[in-house]
C-alpha atoms as a PDB file:
ATOM      1  CA  UNK A   1     -64.511 -34.867 -85.387  1.00  0.00           C
ATOM      2  CA  UNK A   2     -67.027 -33.382 -82.972  1.00  0.00           C
ATOM      3  CA  UNK A   3     -66.328 -29.985 -81.445  1.00  0.00           C
ATOM      4  CA  UNK A   4     -65.416 -30.486 -77.778  1.00  0.00           C
ATOM      5  CA  UNK A   5     -67.481 -28.901 -75.021  1.00  0.00           C
ATOM      6  CA  UNK A   6     -65.895 -25.976 -73.209  1.00  0.00           C
ATOM      7  CA  UNK A   7     -66.553 -27.694 -69.879  1.00  0.00           C
ATOM      8  CA  UNK A   8     -64.660 -30.764 -71.066  1.00  0.00           C
ATOM      9  CA  UNK A   9     -61.693 -28.612 -72.070  1.00  0.00           C
ATOM     10  CA  UNK A  10     -61.751 -26.953 -68.649  1.00  0.00           C
ATOM     11  CA  UNK A  11     -61.776 -30.337 -66.935  1.00  0.00           C
ATOM     12  CA  UNK A  12     -58.898 -31.590 -69.094  1.00  0.00           C
ATOM     13  CA  UNK A  13     -56.740 -28.555 -68.277  1.00  0.00           C
ATOM     14  CA  UNK A  14     -57.550 -28.716 -64.542  1.00  0.00           C
ATOM     15  CA  UNK A  15     -56.834 -32.465 -64.435  1.00  0.00           C
ATOM     16  CA  UNK A  16     -53.471 -31.874 -66.125  1.00  0.00           C
ATOM     17  CA  UNK A  17     -52.670 -29.057 -63.684  1.00  0.00           C
ATOM     18  CA  UNK A  18     -53.831 -30.978 -60.602  1.00  0.00           C
ATOM     19  CA  UNK A  19     -52.394 -34.321 -61.651  1.00  0.00           C
ATOM     20  CA  UNK A  20     -55.675 -36.120 -61.087  1.00  0.00           C
ATOM     21  CA  UNK A  21     -59.347 -36.258 -61.936  1.00  0.00           C
ATOM     22  CA  UNK A  22     -60.569 -36.223 -58.335  1.00  0.00           C
ATOM     23  CA  UNK A  23     -58.664 -33.029 -57.515  1.00  0.00           C
ATOM     24  CA  UNK A  24     -59.882 -31.408 -60.740  1.00  0.00           C
ATOM     25  CA  UNK A  25     -63.453 -32.452 -59.950  1.00  0.00           C
ATOM     26  CA  UNK A  26     -63.198 -30.905 -56.469  1.00  0.00           C
ATOM     27  CA  UNK A  27     -61.849 -27.627 -57.893  1.00  0.00           C
ATOM     28  CA  UNK A  28     -64.615 -27.494 -60.506  1.00  0.00           C
ATOM     29  CA  UNK A  29     -67.254 -28.596 -57.981  1.00  0.00           C
ATOM     30  CA  UNK A  30     -68.408 -31.609 -59.979  1.00  0.00           C
ATOM     31  CA  UNK A  31     -68.728 -35.280 -59.114  1.00  0.00           C
ATOM     32  CA  UNK A  32     -65.713 -37.476 -59.894  1.00  0.00           C
ATOM     33  CA  UNK A  33     -67.938 -39.618 -62.128  1.00  0.00           C
ATOM     34  CA  UNK A  34     -68.894 -36.497 -64.112  1.00  0.00           C
ATOM     35  CA  UNK A  35     -65.210 -35.603 -64.465  1.00  0.00           C
ATOM     36  CA  UNK A  36     -64.410 -39.083 -65.732  1.00  0.00           C
ATOM     37  CA  UNK A  37     -67.301 -38.904 -68.219  1.00  0.00           C
ATOM     38  CA  UNK A  38     -66.143 -35.480 -69.446  1.00  0.00           C
ATOM     39  CA  UNK A  39     -62.623 -36.747 -70.059  1.00  0.00           C
ATOM     40  CA  UNK A  40     -63.911 -39.831 -71.877  1.00  0.00           C
ATOM     41  CA  UNK A  41     -66.214 -37.645 -73.998  1.00  0.00           C
ATOM     42  CA  UNK A  42     -63.269 -35.382 -74.936  1.00  0.00           C
ATOM     43  CA  UNK A  43     -61.016 -38.320 -75.768  1.00  0.00           C
ATOM     44  CA  UNK A  44     -63.773 -39.867 -77.890  1.00  0.00           C
ATOM     45  CA  UNK A  45     -64.369 -36.582 -79.731  1.00  0.00           C
ATOM     46  CA  UNK A  46     -60.636 -36.254 -80.449  1.00  0.00           C
ATOM     47  CA  UNK A  47     -60.110 -39.929 -81.228  1.00  0.00           C
ATOM     48  CA  UNK A  48     -57.091 -40.218 -78.924  1.00  0.00           C
ATOM     49  CA  UNK A  49     -56.116 -40.862 -75.323  1.00  0.00           C
ATOM     50  CA  UNK A  50     -55.033 -37.740 -73.468  1.00  0.00           C
ATOM     51  CA  UNK A  51     -53.941 -39.389 -70.221  1.00  0.00           C
ATOM     52  CA  UNK A  52     -52.412 -42.639 -69.097  1.00  0.00           C
ATOM     53  CA  UNK A  53     -54.456 -43.592 -66.054  1.00  0.00           C
ATOM     54  CA  UNK A  54     -53.661 -45.833 -63.141  1.00  0.00           C
ATOM     55  CA  UNK A  55     -55.324 -46.175 -59.768  1.00  0.00           C
ATOM     56  CA  UNK A  56     -52.874 -43.702 -58.257  1.00  0.00           C
ATOM     57  CA  UNK A  57     -51.773 -41.396 -61.055  1.00  0.00           C
ATOM     58  CA  UNK A  58     -52.738 -39.534 -64.159  1.00  0.00           C
ATOM     59  CA  UNK A  59     -50.069 -38.740 -66.729  1.00  0.00           C
ATOM     60  CA  UNK A  60     -50.405 -36.920 -70.048  1.00  0.00           C
ATOM     61  CA  UNK A  61     -49.792 -38.920 -73.202  1.00  0.00           C
ATOM     62  CA  UNK A  62     -47.764 -37.365 -76.022  1.00  0.00           C
ATOM     63  CA  UNK A  63     -51.059 -36.412 -77.703  1.00  0.00           C
ATOM     64  CA  UNK A  64     -52.292 -35.026 -74.381  1.00  0.00           C
ATOM     65  CA  UNK A  65     -49.220 -32.820 -74.034  1.00  0.00           C
ATOM     66  CA  UNK A  66     -49.750 -31.421 -77.537  1.00  0.00           C
ATOM     67  CA  UNK A  67     -53.482 -30.944 -77.055  1.00  0.00           C
ATOM     68  CA  UNK A  68     -53.021 -29.236 -73.678  1.00  0.00           C
ATOM     69  CA  UNK A  69     -51.293 -26.289 -75.366  1.00  0.00           C
ATOM     70  CA  UNK A  70     -54.246 -25.835 -77.723  1.00  0.00           C
ATOM     71  CA  UNK A  71     -56.845 -26.320 -74.985  1.00  0.00           C
ATOM     72  CA  UNK A  72     -55.216 -23.576 -72.893  1.00  0.00           C
ATOM     73  CA  UNK A  73     -55.182 -21.255 -75.924  1.00  0.00           C
ATOM     74  CA  UNK A  74     -58.871 -21.869 -76.631  1.00  0.00           C
ATOM     75  CA  UNK A  75     -59.884 -21.276 -73.019  1.00  0.00           C
ATOM     76  CA  UNK A  76     -57.814 -18.091 -72.851  1.00  0.00           C
ATOM     77  CA  UNK A  77     -59.442 -16.834 -76.054  1.00  0.00           C
ATOM     78  CA  UNK A  78     -62.892 -17.516 -74.603  1.00  0.00           C
ATOM     79  CA  UNK A  79     -62.000 -15.651 -71.395  1.00  0.00           C
ATOM     80  CA  UNK A  80     -60.722 -12.691 -73.403  1.00  0.00           C
ATOM     81  CA  UNK A  81     -63.857 -12.692 -75.521  1.00  0.00           C
ATOM     82  CA  UNK A  82     -66.033 -12.328 -72.445  1.00  0.00           C
ATOM     83  CA  UNK A  83     -63.832  -9.848 -70.600  1.00  0.00           C
ATOM     84  CA  UNK A  84     -62.975  -7.506 -73.475  1.00  0.00           C
ATOM     85  CA  UNK A  85     -65.112  -4.417 -73.919  1.00  0.00           C
ATOM     86  CA  UNK A  86     -67.649  -4.690 -76.687  1.00  0.00           C
ATOM     87  CA  UNK A  87     -67.062  -2.601 -79.831  1.00  0.00           C
ATOM     88  CA  UNK A  88     -70.054  -0.434 -78.880  1.00  0.00           C
ATOM     89  CA  UNK A  89     -68.469   0.701 -75.576  1.00  0.00           C
END
């Protein structure tokens, strides 16, 4: 399995929170096509579908619901890493 890109994790979490790729793309200031590519790249890296897509909705799969918990944890850890004082401070 390839290690997912941080940007792809961010897109996945925003899409889950917003309920759609277009809304997530707007919030992250990226093109909808780039958001779709990021989600496909993440799903390919993980070897599973994270969302059930239709023309009007986006719904997490069972794997997507499980992965969302881990994606949030990883992103929080990265935020803490960059906002915590360094050991030399």
